[in-house]
Amino acid sequence: MEIKKIKTVGIIGEGKMGSAIFNYLLDFEFPLRWMVSGDADLEKLLRATQKKEKRIISTGIMNEKSVEKRFSQVQISTDLQAAKDCDLIIEAVPEDVELKRKVFEKLSSFAPSPAIFASNSSSIIPSRLIVHESCLPFTVGMHFFYPVMMKETVELILHDSVLPEAKQAAEEFLTTIRRRPLVQNEANSFLLNRLWLDIQNEAFLLVQTGNISIPETDALVRERLFSFGVFDFFDLVGLDVMLYSICNYTSDYPHRDYFQPLISALETMVSEGKLGQKSGTGFYSYPPGVILPSITGRFSDIESHLRNTWLSASKRYTMRSRLPVGEMNDAIKDYFGVENGPF
């Protein structure tokens, strides 16, 4: 079956990622259909979109007529059937496999054939999300990273049944929106998050020894390694989301027990309602009351350990995926926000 050129794009979900993908795509010429939940504040979302329209006009980048024409092609709706004319539908609902499956099942009943179904999931492989086998050839993982505006890499995850034409259309779409696809099969999916998990786990185990605190670890990582800390990253994403993802990543690891202390700690915190920024408390309390300490001249041994973990994990996942070294190096630099990659 011939895959149509992607012209109209749908985004499902008004959370952090769904909103970020929608707002990023506003800068391109695709007609957009943003489908949100019944709990969403439609008026607020519409006002935000209109505000961006006025901002573009005020900059003079586009004339008023062109901007109005562009935004007239944007629809925000609580009805999934708004996707009925979409060539690509990007699902970005919460990280819950059954919820995602229900979304795709509904879409399969009315979405145009052969629309490409893409999941922004950070831990669930695409073949698990489709109820009807007839949709498998057109289903991919399209994992954007946050913040979407700043991260060039998008993990494009393909299962064995996906059509080459669907892969090509997805790659062309990402290139058009100035994003670099990192193509992976399901056996080697979510490579960058898995790589980061090795470092997160080591950092957690180091804190457990009592030789370094959580704020000191984040200060060390921010100052000497990456553009973000370990534990503030947990809180930003949400401890419940991180727990679900880590359990997915490690489900088939022969050395899963090595991650169990971290998993157990997250399970306890989640059960207590400590979900990170969105709940007001996680590894930190919010609004932030902790100023990251100065670690000048301290913890060089811990820095070396975490850096070596990064280098070792980078090499291991590059070899496992068989992706070109240069391609992985660029993706790792983008993900961690560093100038020099591991290779």
Protein backbone atom coordinates (compact mmCIF):
# COMPACT_ATOMS: atom_id res chain seq x y z
CA MET A 1 0.00 0.00 0.00
CA GLU A 2 1.40 3.39 -0.97
CA ILE A 3 2.26 5.75 1.89
CA LYS A 4 1.08 9.28 1.28
CA LYS A 5 3.43 12.21 1.76
CA ILE A 6 2.94 13.63 5.24
CA LYS A 7 0.96 16.83 4.99
CA THR A 8 -1.37 16.97 8.00
CA VAL A 9 -0.07 16.05 11.46
CA GLY A 10 -1.99 15.13 14.61
CA ILE A 11 -0.67 15.30 18.17
CA ILE A 12 -2.49 13.55 21.01
CA GLY A 13 -1.92 14.68 24.59
CA GLU A 14 -1.63 18.01 26.38
CA GLY A 15 1.04 17.04 28.89
CA LYS A 16 4.61 18.32 28.89
CA MET A 17 5.66 16.38 25.78
CA GLY A 18 2.42 16.70 23.80
CA SER A 19 2.37 20.46 24.36
CA ALA A 20 6.05 20.81 23.50
CA ILE A 21 5.72 18.84 20.25
CA PHE A 22 2.64 20.85 19.23
CA ASN A 23 4.34 24.18 19.95
CA TYR A 24 7.46 23.14 18.07
CA LEU A 25 5.47 22.07 15.01
CA LEU A 26 3.67 25.43 14.96
CA ASP A 27 6.82 26.83 13.36
CA PHE A 28 6.31 24.63 10.29
CA GLU A 29 3.70 24.61 7.55
CA PHE A 30 1.91 21.39 8.41
CA PRO A 31 -1.81 21.70 9.17
CA LEU A 32 -2.02 20.56 12.81
CA ARG A 33 -4.69 18.71 14.76
CA TRP A 34 -4.04 18.81 18.51
CA MET A 35 -6.27 16.37 20.39
CA VAL A 36 -6.43 16.83 24.15
CA SER A 37 -8.29 15.16 26.98
CA GLY A 38 -11.71 16.20 28.19
CA ASP A 39 -10.07 17.62 31.31
CA ALA A 40 -7.95 20.06 29.31
CA ASP A 41 -8.67 23.79 29.48
CA LEU A 42 -9.42 24.43 25.80
CA GLU A 43 -9.78 28.17 26.28
CA LYS A 44 -6.36 28.38 27.89
CA LEU A 45 -4.75 26.34 25.12
CA LEU A 46 -6.40 28.47 22.44
CA ARG A 47 -5.25 31.69 24.14
CA ALA A 48 -1.68 30.40 24.27
CA THR A 49 -1.80 29.56 20.56
CA GLN A 50 -3.23 32.98 19.70
CA LYS A 51 -0.52 34.61 21.80
CA LYS A 52 2.14 32.82 19.76
CA GLU A 53 0.40 33.93 16.55
CA LYS A 54 0.55 37.57 17.66
CA ARG A 55 4.18 37.19 18.70
CA ILE A 56 5.15 35.90 15.25
CA ILE A 57 3.35 38.83 13.62
CA SER A 58 5.09 41.33 15.91
CA THR A 59 8.54 39.98 14.99
CA GLY A 60 7.94 40.67 11.30
CA ILE A 61 9.26 37.24 10.32
CA MET A 62 5.98 36.62 8.48
CA ASN A 63 3.34 39.09 7.39
CA GLU A 64 -0.02 39.11 9.13
CA LYS A 65 -1.88 37.50 6.24
CA SER A 66 0.56 34.58 6.04
CA VAL A 67 0.46 34.03 9.79
CA GLU A 68 -3.33 34.07 9.88
CA LYS A 69 -3.43 31.56 7.04
CA ARG A 70 -0.93 29.36 8.86
CA PHE A 71 -2.86 29.35 12.13
CA SER A 72 -6.21 28.85 10.40
CA GLN A 73 -4.93 25.34 9.65
CA VAL A 74 -4.56 24.57 13.36
CA GLN A 75 -7.34 22.81 15.25
CA ILE A 76 -7.47 22.03 18.97
CA SER A 77 -10.10 19.49 19.96
CA THR A 78 -11.15 17.02 22.65
CA ASP A 79 -12.44 14.67 19.93
CA LEU A 80 -10.00 12.06 18.60
CA GLN A 81 -11.91 12.11 15.31
CA ALA A 82 -10.12 15.38 14.56
CA ALA A 83 -7.34 13.03 13.40
CA LYS A 84 -9.44 11.66 10.55
CA ASP A 85 -7.54 13.65 7.91
CA CYS A 86 -4.03 13.21 9.38
CA ASP A 87 -1.20 11.52 7.53
CA LEU A 88 0.88 11.23 10.71
CA ILE A 89 -0.51 10.96 14.25
CA ILE A 90 1.91 11.37 17.16
CA GLU A 91 0.65 9.94 20.45
CA ALA A 92 2.03 11.62 23.58
CA VAL A 93 -0.34 10.51 26.35
CA PRO A 94 0.96 9.35 29.79
CA GLU A 95 3.35 6.39 29.94
CA ASP A 96 0.67 3.73 30.41
CA VAL A 97 0.60 0.87 27.92
CA GLU A 98 -3.15 0.19 28.26
CA LEU A 99 -4.04 3.86 27.85
CA LYS A 100 -1.89 4.09 24.74
CA ARG A 101 -3.40 0.91 23.31
CA LYS A 102 -6.91 2.32 23.80
CA VAL A 103 -5.91 5.49 21.95
CA PHE A 104 -4.50 3.52 19.01
CA GLU A 105 -7.51 1.20 18.95
CA LYS A 106 -9.85 4.18 18.61
CA LEU A 107 -7.68 5.76 15.96
CA SER A 108 -7.62 2.57 13.89
CA SER A 109 -11.42 2.73 13.50
CA PHE A 110 -11.46 6.05 11.64
CA ALA A 111 -7.95 7.31 10.86
CA PRO A 112 -7.22 7.43 7.14
CA SER A 113 -5.45 4.46 5.64
CA PRO A 114 -2.50 4.29 5.55
CA ALA A 115 -1.83 6.99 8.20
CA ILE A 116 1.40 6.56 10.16
CA PHE A 117 0.87 6.00 13.88
CA ALA A 118 3.81 7.22 15.97
CA SER A 119 4.24 6.89 19.72
CA ASN A 120 6.37 9.33 21.68
CA SER A 121 6.74 6.73 24.43
CA SER A 122 10.11 6.77 26.18
CA SER A 123 10.03 3.11 27.22
CA ILE A 124 7.28 1.12 25.42
CA ILE A 125 8.14 -0.44 22.07
CA PRO A 126 5.63 0.37 19.30
CA SER A 127 4.59 -3.21 18.53
CA ARG A 128 3.08 -3.49 22.05
CA LEU A 129 0.71 -0.60 21.39
CA ILE A 130 -1.26 -1.78 18.38
CA VAL A 131 -4.38 -3.87 18.86
CA HIS A 132 -5.08 -4.60 15.18
CA GLU A 133 -2.31 -6.29 13.22
CA SER A 134 -3.32 -4.43 10.07
CA CYS A 135 -1.91 -1.26 11.66
CA LEU A 136 1.51 -2.73 12.46
CA PRO A 137 3.11 -1.89 9.09
CA PHE A 138 2.38 1.80 9.69
CA THR A 139 3.33 2.06 13.38
CA VAL A 140 6.64 3.47 14.65
CA GLY A 141 8.16 4.88 17.79
CA MET A 142 9.02 8.57 17.47
CA HIS A 143 10.66 9.52 20.75
CA PHE A 144 11.31 13.26 21.07
CA PHE A 145 13.43 14.52 23.96
CA TYR A 146 12.64 17.39 26.30
CA PRO A 147 12.96 20.28 25.74
CA VAL A 148 11.79 19.57 22.20
CA MET A 149 12.88 22.99 20.95
CA MET A 150 16.49 22.30 21.92
CA LYS A 151 17.07 18.59 21.29
CA GLU A 152 17.86 17.74 17.67
CA THR A 153 17.84 13.95 18.09
CA VAL A 154 14.63 11.92 17.82
CA GLU A 155 14.75 8.17 18.37
CA LEU A 156 12.91 6.47 15.50
CA ILE A 157 12.08 2.95 16.67
CA LEU A 158 11.05 0.34 14.12
CA HIS A 159 9.70 -3.17 14.53
CA ASP A 160 10.19 -6.00 12.05
CA SER A 161 6.78 -5.53 10.34
CA VAL A 162 7.04 -1.82 9.56
CA LEU A 163 6.91 -0.96 5.86
CA PRO A 164 10.06 0.58 4.34
CA GLU A 165 7.80 3.31 2.93
CA ALA A 166 6.56 4.17 6.42
CA LYS A 167 10.15 4.35 7.68
CA GLN A 168 11.09 6.62 4.79
CA ALA A 169 8.09 8.91 5.33
CA ALA A 170 8.88 9.20 9.06
CA GLU A 171 12.53 10.00 8.37
CA GLU A 172 11.60 12.60 5.76
CA PHE A 173 9.17 14.21 8.21
CA LEU A 174 11.83 14.47 10.91
CA THR A 175 14.33 15.91 8.46
CA THR A 176 11.74 18.46 7.33
CA ILE A 177 11.23 19.65 10.92
CA ARG A 178 15.01 19.87 11.35
CA ARG A 179 15.34 16.88 13.62
CA ARG A 180 17.91 14.10 13.30
CA PRO A 181 16.43 10.56 13.41
CA LEU A 182 18.42 7.97 15.35
CA VAL A 183 17.01 4.78 13.84
CA GLN A 184 16.76 1.75 16.15
CA ASN A 185 15.11 -1.64 16.08
CA GLU A 186 12.98 -2.74 19.02
CA ALA A 187 15.73 -4.97 20.43
CA ASN A 188 17.92 -1.88 20.72
CA SER A 189 15.29 0.69 21.59
CA PHE A 190 15.57 3.79 23.78
CA LEU A 191 19.35 3.62 23.64
CA LEU A 192 20.01 7.07 25.06
CA ASN A 193 17.71 6.64 28.05
CA ARG A 194 19.23 3.24 28.80
CA LEU A 195 22.70 4.77 28.64
CA TRP A 196 21.62 7.53 31.04
CA LEU A 197 20.10 4.94 33.38
CA ASP A 198 23.51 3.33 33.90
CA ILE A 199 24.83 6.69 35.13
CA GLN A 200 21.73 7.44 37.21
CA ASN A 201 22.01 4.07 38.92
CA GLU A 202 25.69 4.53 39.70
CA ALA A 203 25.00 8.00 41.10
CA PHE A 204 22.24 6.61 43.32
CA LEU A 205 24.50 3.82 44.64
CA LEU A 206 27.25 6.36 45.37
CA VAL A 207 24.81 8.46 47.40
CA GLN A 208 23.83 5.30 49.28
CA THR A 209 27.43 4.92 50.49
CA GLY A 210 27.12 8.23 52.37
CA ASN A 211 30.24 9.66 50.75
CA ILE A 212 28.31 12.26 48.74
CA SER A 213 24.86 13.82 49.12
CA ILE A 214 22.11 14.24 46.54
CA PRO A 215 22.72 18.03 46.15
CA GLU A 216 26.47 17.46 45.94
CA THR A 217 25.98 14.79 43.26
CA ASP A 218 23.82 17.09 41.14
CA ALA A 219 26.29 19.96 41.57
CA LEU A 220 29.17 17.69 40.55
CA VAL A 221 27.37 16.33 37.48
CA ARG A 222 26.23 19.81 36.36
CA GLU A 223 29.63 21.44 36.84
CA ARG A 224 31.88 18.74 35.45
CA LEU A 225 29.92 16.34 33.28
CA PHE A 226 26.54 17.21 31.74
CA SER A 227 24.07 20.07 31.39
CA PHE A 228 21.68 18.63 34.01
CA GLY A 229 21.90 16.77 37.30
CA VAL A 230 20.83 13.23 38.13
CA PHE A 231 18.24 13.73 40.84
CA ASP A 232 16.76 17.00 39.58
CA PHE A 233 16.25 15.13 36.29
CA PHE A 234 14.24 12.48 38.15
CA ASP A 235 12.09 15.19 39.70
CA LEU A 236 11.59 17.03 36.39
CA VAL A 237 10.39 13.93 34.53
CA GLY A 238 8.38 12.58 37.46
CA LEU A 239 9.37 9.73 39.74
CA ASP A 240 6.33 7.67 38.71
CA VAL A 241 7.26 7.99 35.03
CA MET A 242 10.90 7.20 35.77
CA LEU A 243 9.95 4.13 37.82
CA TYR A 244 7.72 2.78 35.05
CA SER A 245 10.43 3.38 32.45
CA ILE A 246 13.23 1.83 34.48
CA CYS A 247 11.14 -1.27 35.11
CA ASN A 248 10.54 -1.54 31.36
CA TYR A 249 14.21 -1.05 30.49
CA THR A 250 15.46 -3.61 32.99
CA SER A 251 12.72 -6.23 32.61
CA ASP A 252 14.95 -8.48 30.51
CA TYR A 253 18.34 -7.47 31.95
CA PRO A 254 20.23 -10.52 33.29
CA HIS A 255 21.74 -8.19 35.92
CA ARG A 256 18.43 -6.54 36.89
CA ASP A 257 19.20 -7.01 40.61
CA TYR A 258 21.91 -4.36 40.27
CA PHE A 259 19.16 -1.77 39.66
CA GLN A 260 16.85 -3.07 42.42
CA PRO A 261 17.98 -0.61 45.15
CA LEU A 262 17.08 2.32 42.88
CA ILE A 263 13.80 0.69 41.85
CA SER A 264 12.87 -0.01 45.47
CA ALA A 265 13.64 3.58 46.51
CA LEU A 266 11.48 4.96 43.71
CA GLU A 267 8.66 2.55 44.58
CA THR A 268 8.67 3.82 48.17
CA MET A 269 8.70 7.48 47.15
CA VAL A 270 5.92 7.01 44.60
CA SER A 271 3.78 5.14 47.15
CA GLU A 272 4.20 8.15 49.45
CA GLY A 273 3.04 10.55 46.74
CA LYS A 274 6.51 11.97 46.18
CA LEU A 275 6.46 12.33 42.40
CA GLY A 276 8.88 15.22 41.89
CA GLN A 277 8.09 18.73 40.72
CA LYS A 278 4.47 17.97 39.84
CA SER A 279 3.66 16.90 43.41
CA GLY A 280 5.83 19.48 45.16
CA THR A 281 8.31 16.98 46.55
CA GLY A 282 10.60 14.26 45.29
CA PHE A 283 14.34 14.13 45.80
CA TYR A 284 13.94 17.88 46.38
CA SER A 285 11.08 20.06 47.64
CA TYR A 286 9.42 22.67 45.43
CA PRO A 287 9.63 25.56 45.05
CA PRO A 288 13.37 24.84 45.32
CA GLY A 289 14.77 25.42 48.77
CA VAL A 290 18.18 23.86 48.17
CA ILE A 291 21.06 25.80 46.63
CA LEU A 292 23.46 23.37 44.99
CA PRO A 293 26.76 23.48 46.90
CA SER A 294 30.14 24.36 45.48
CA ILE A 295 32.19 21.25 44.85
CA THR A 296 35.39 22.93 43.60
CA GLY A 297 38.31 20.59 44.09
CA ARG A 298 36.18 17.88 45.70
CA PHE A 299 34.93 14.45 44.67
CA SER A 300 37.43 13.90 41.84
CA ASP A 301 37.23 10.14 42.40
CA ILE A 302 33.44 10.18 42.08
CA GLU A 303 33.68 12.37 38.97
CA SER A 304 36.08 9.84 37.41
CA HIS A 305 33.79 6.97 38.29
CA LEU A 306 30.72 8.61 36.72
CA ARG A 307 32.68 9.72 33.65
CA ASN A 308 34.04 6.21 33.14
CA THR A 309 30.51 4.83 33.53
CA TRP A 310 29.38 7.22 30.77
CA LEU A 311 32.24 6.22 28.47
CA SER A 312 31.78 2.50 29.10
CA ALA A 313 27.99 2.63 28.61
CA SER A 314 28.39 4.71 25.44
CA LYS A 315 30.72 2.14 23.93
CA ARG A 316 28.56 -0.79 25.03
CA TYR A 317 25.32 0.56 23.59
CA THR A 318 27.01 1.68 20.37
CA MET A 319 28.43 -1.79 19.83
CA ARG A 320 25.11 -3.41 20.76
CA SER A 321 23.11 -1.26 18.33
CA ARG A 322 25.69 -1.44 15.53
CA LEU A 323 24.93 2.18 14.73
CA PRO A 324 27.72 4.26 13.15
CA VAL A 325 30.05 5.64 15.80
CA GLY A 326 29.78 9.19 14.47
CA GLU A 327 25.98 9.07 14.51
CA MET A 328 25.89 7.82 18.10
CA ASN A 329 28.52 10.35 19.16
CA ASP A 330 26.39 13.23 17.80
CA ALA A 331 23.26 11.83 19.46
CA ILE A 332 25.01 11.43 22.82
CA LYS A 333 26.39 14.98 22.66
CA ASP A 334 22.91 16.31 21.93
CA TYR A 335 21.25 14.25 24.66
CA PHE A 336 23.70 15.21 27.41
CA GLY A 337 24.22 18.79 26.22
CA VAL A 338 28.02 18.50 25.91
CA GLU A 339 30.47 19.76 23.30
CA ASN A 340 32.62 16.65 23.23
CA GLY A 341 31.15 13.18 22.95
CA PRO A 342 32.60 9.89 24.19
CA PHE A 343 34.21 9.03 20.84
